[in-house]
Protein backbone atom coordinates (compact mmCIF):
# COMPACT_ATOMS: atom_id res chain seq x y z
CA MET A 1 97.47 113.08 96.16
CA GLY A 2 96.29 111.23 99.25
CA ARG A 3 94.09 109.00 97.13
CA SER A 4 97.06 108.37 94.83
CA LEU A 5 99.12 107.06 97.74
CA LEU A 6 96.24 104.80 98.66
CA ILE A 7 96.10 103.52 95.08
CA LEU A 8 99.83 102.92 95.15
CA ALA A 9 99.59 101.03 98.44
CA ALA A 10 96.71 98.90 97.13
CA ILE A 11 98.56 98.06 93.92
CA GLY A 12 101.69 97.32 95.92
CA ALA A 13 99.75 94.88 98.08
CA ALA A 14 98.43 93.21 94.94
CA LEU A 15 101.98 92.85 93.66
CA VAL A 16 103.02 91.13 96.87
CA LEU A 17 100.15 88.67 96.50
CA THR A 18 101.32 87.73 93.02
CA ARG A 19 104.61 86.52 94.43
CA HIS A 20 104.80 83.31 96.45
CA GLN A 21 108.35 83.93 97.65
CA ASP A 22 109.96 87.01 99.12
CA THR A 23 113.50 87.19 97.78
CA ASP A 24 115.90 89.98 97.00
CA ASN A 25 114.81 89.92 93.36
CA ASN A 26 111.06 89.59 93.84
CA GLY A 27 108.47 91.93 95.27
CA LEU A 28 108.56 95.53 96.34
CA ARG A 29 111.05 97.02 98.77
CA GLY A 30 110.92 99.99 101.10
CA TRP A 31 107.39 99.53 102.42
CA PRO A 32 108.11 101.63 105.56
CA TRP A 33 108.69 104.66 103.33
CA LEU A 34 105.31 104.27 101.65
CA MET A 35 103.61 103.74 105.01
CA LEU A 36 105.28 106.88 106.35
CA GLY A 37 103.90 108.89 103.45
CA LEU A 38 100.42 107.47 103.98
CA GLY A 39 100.65 108.18 107.70
CA LEU A 40 101.48 111.84 107.10
CA GLN A 41 98.57 112.13 104.67
CA VAL A 42 96.17 110.57 107.17
CA LEU A 43 97.46 112.86 109.92
CA TRP A 44 96.62 115.92 107.83
CA VAL A 45 93.35 114.78 106.25
CA ARG A 46 91.73 113.12 109.24
CA PHE A 47 92.95 115.40 112.01
CA LEU A 48 94.84 118.60 111.22
CA SER A 49 92.67 119.73 108.29
CA ARG A 50 89.61 119.77 110.56
CA GLU A 51 91.02 122.64 112.56
CA VAL A 52 89.30 125.97 111.91
CA ALA A 53 92.57 127.62 110.89
CA PRO A 54 95.52 125.20 110.84
CA PRO A 55 98.91 126.96 110.96
CA ALA A 56 100.32 127.77 107.55
CA THR A 57 103.45 125.76 108.30
CA LEU A 58 101.32 122.62 108.60
CA HIS A 59 100.00 123.18 105.09
CA TRP A 60 103.27 121.70 103.89
CA LEU A 61 102.57 118.31 105.46
CA PRO A 62 100.69 116.81 102.46
CA ALA A 63 103.48 117.88 100.11
CA LEU A 64 106.16 116.51 102.45
CA ALA A 65 104.25 113.22 102.55
CA LEU A 66 105.18 112.72 98.91
CA LEU A 67 108.91 112.61 99.67
CA PRO A 68 108.86 109.21 101.47
CA ALA A 69 106.72 107.91 98.60
CA VAL A 70 109.35 109.10 96.12
CA ARG A 71 111.96 107.19 98.12
CA PHE A 72 109.77 104.07 97.86
CA LEU A 73 109.55 104.56 94.09
CA TRP A 74 113.32 104.95 93.81
CA LEU A 75 113.93 101.68 95.65
CA ASN A 76 111.67 99.91 93.15
CA GLN A 77 112.81 101.64 89.98
CA ARG A 78 113.17 98.33 88.15
CA TYR A 79 109.38 98.48 87.65
CA HIS A 80 108.88 100.57 84.53
CA GLY A 81 105.32 101.44 85.52
CA LEU A 82 106.57 103.12 88.68
CA TRP A 83 108.39 105.67 86.52
CA ILE A 84 104.94 106.80 85.36
CA VAL A 85 103.87 106.95 89.00
CA ALA A 86 106.94 109.06 89.78
CA ALA A 87 106.07 111.46 86.95
CA GLY A 88 102.55 111.93 88.33
CA ALA A 89 103.81 112.35 91.88
CA GLY A 90 106.35 114.87 90.62
CA LEU A 91 103.64 116.95 88.93
CA ASN A 92 101.58 116.97 92.12
CA LEU A 93 104.59 117.86 94.24
CA VAL A 94 105.47 120.81 91.99
CA VAL A 95 101.99 122.32 91.95
CA MET A 96 101.57 121.82 95.71
CA ALA A 97 104.95 123.39 96.42
CA CYS A 98 104.06 126.38 94.24
CA ASN A 99 100.83 126.91 96.18
CA GLY A 100 101.96 126.75 99.77
CA GLY A 101 101.98 122.97 100.28
CA LEU A 102 98.32 122.18 99.52
CA MET A 103 96.75 121.18 96.22
CA PRO A 104 94.68 124.04 94.76
CA ILE A 105 91.11 123.41 93.64
CA GLY A 106 88.97 125.91 91.76
CA PRO A 107 85.47 127.10 92.70
CA GLY A 108 84.00 125.31 89.66
CA SER A 109 85.41 121.94 90.69
CA LEU A 110 84.30 122.49 94.28
CA HIS A 111 80.79 123.32 93.09
CA ALA A 112 80.73 120.13 90.98
CA LEU A 113 81.48 118.17 94.13
CA ALA A 114 78.48 119.80 95.83
CA ALA A 115 80.78 120.87 98.63
CA THR A 116 80.18 123.77 100.98
CA THR A 117 81.42 127.05 99.55
CA VAL A 118 84.28 128.68 101.46
CA ARG A 119 86.29 131.81 100.86
CA SER A 120 89.30 131.70 98.58
CA GLY A 121 92.56 130.61 100.18
CA VAL A 122 90.95 128.44 102.86
CA ALA A 123 92.13 124.84 103.35
CA LEU A 124 89.27 122.37 102.93
CA ALA A 125 88.48 120.04 105.82
CA LEU A 126 89.06 116.30 105.31
CA SER A 127 91.07 117.07 102.20
CA LYS A 128 94.55 118.12 101.11
CA ASP A 129 92.99 120.84 98.91
CA ARG A 130 92.92 124.59 99.20
CA LEU A 131 90.35 126.72 97.40
CA LEU A 132 92.03 129.03 94.88
CA ASP A 133 90.62 130.42 91.64
CA ASP A 134 92.63 130.10 88.46
CA GLY A 135 93.82 133.67 88.73
CA SER A 136 95.34 133.07 92.17
CA ALA A 137 96.67 129.53 91.78
CA HIS A 138 100.07 128.82 90.29
CA LEU A 139 100.10 126.11 87.60
CA ALA A 140 96.32 125.96 87.87
CA TYR A 141 96.08 123.54 84.93
CA LEU A 142 97.70 120.90 87.17
CA ASP A 143 95.33 121.32 90.13
CA ASP A 144 92.37 119.16 91.16
CA ARG A 145 90.22 120.36 88.28
CA LEU A 146 89.10 116.97 86.94
CA VAL A 147 85.85 115.80 88.52
CA LEU A 148 85.09 112.12 87.91
CA ALA A 149 82.19 109.91 88.92
CA VAL A 150 83.43 106.70 90.54
CA ALA A 151 80.98 104.19 92.01
CA GLY A 152 78.31 106.87 92.31
CA LEU A 153 80.67 109.31 94.02
CA HIS A 154 82.19 112.45 92.53
CA ILE A 155 85.88 112.93 93.20
CA ALA A 156 88.26 115.67 92.12
CA CYS A 157 91.67 114.70 90.85
CA SER A 158 94.62 116.24 89.09
CA PRO A 159 96.43 115.22 85.89
CA GLY A 160 99.18 113.95 88.18
CA ASP A 161 96.69 111.69 89.95
CA LEU A 162 95.70 110.16 86.61
CA LEU A 163 99.34 109.44 85.84
CA VAL A 164 99.77 107.82 89.25
CA ALA A 165 96.73 105.59 88.70
CA ALA A 166 97.88 104.65 85.18
CA GLY A 167 101.38 103.89 86.43
CA CYS A 168 100.06 101.69 89.22
CA LEU A 169 97.96 99.68 86.78
CA ALA A 170 100.92 99.37 84.41
CA THR A 171 103.08 98.15 87.29
CA LEU A 172 100.48 95.57 88.28
CA GLY A 173 100.30 94.34 84.68
CA GLU A 174 104.09 94.21 84.52
CA GLU A 175 104.30 92.11 87.67
CA VAL A 176 101.55 89.73 86.54
CA TRP A 177 103.46 89.26 83.27
CA ARG A 178 106.70 88.59 85.15
CA ALA A 179 105.02 86.10 87.45
CA ALA A 180 103.48 84.27 84.47
CA ARG A 181 106.84 84.24 82.67
CA ASP A 182 108.62 82.85 85.73
CA ALA A 183 105.92 80.20 86.15
CA ARG A 184 106.31 79.08 82.53
CA GLY A 185 110.07 78.88 82.98
CA ALA A 186 109.75 76.81 86.17
CA VAL A 187 107.22 74.24 84.89
CA PRO A 188 109.59 72.24 82.61
CA TRP A 189 112.14 71.98 85.44
CA ARG A 190 109.53 70.69 87.85
CA CYS A 191 108.24 68.21 85.26
CA CYS A 192 111.74 66.90 84.61
CA ALA A 193 112.36 66.61 88.33
CA ASP A 194 109.18 64.59 88.76
CA ARG A 195 109.99 62.34 85.80
CA GLY A 196 113.68 62.05 86.59
CA ALA A 197 113.36 58.41 87.49
CA ASP A 198 112.15 57.64 83.94
CA VAL A 199 115.00 59.47 82.21
CA PRO A 200 118.15 57.37 81.72
CA GLY A 201 121.01 58.54 83.86
CA VAL A 202 118.94 61.04 85.81
CA ALA A 203 117.93 58.71 88.62
CA GLY A 204 121.49 57.66 89.18
CA ARG A 205 122.70 61.25 89.43
CA ALA A 206 119.84 62.09 91.81
C-alpha cells in the first residue's frame, strides 16, 4: 500500500497544478493527513523493516498509516474517483489487519520478484510485506499476488492497489474535466468584460 499512497500523493499534486486559485471550493483539502500517512509508511519501509526482527507491535504501523489517508479521502469525498481509492484502501486495510498489520505475499510472487527467499512469517526488509503461503494467510486472494512489469522493474501489488491506482486516475480526469468546464464558463465573461466599452450601456455602468 505504500506505493498506493505515493500514487495518491502524486495525483493529488497534479490536481493542485490544474487549479490556478486555491479557494474553499477548489483543490484538495487535508494534505497534512496524507503526509502523515506517507511519513508512517516511510518510517516502516526505510528504517524499521530493516531490523532483523522488528517487534510484532510495530508490524501494525503500515496498516495504521492508512487511517490518516482515509481521513484525507473523507475530506475530499466530492471527488467521485476518490471513492474508488477508498474502496481499494479499504481492501488493503482489511487484509493487512487480518494478517497482523503487514500485507501478506506468497512464495510464488516473491520468487517472481527474484527476491531472496526467507522463511514463512518473516517481514520483508524495505517493504510492508510479510511472507505467508496461501494456506497461512487470511484473505490470500487480496494479498500482493499480482506481479507487474513497470518500466523494466517487477513490482508486486494487490487488487486493492489496482483500485487505488484506477481511482487516482479517475480523480485526475475528473479534475481536468472540471477545470476545462470552469474555463469554458469563464471565457464569455472575460470577453464581455474586455468588450464592455463597445456594448451600449455597459461602459456607462462600468
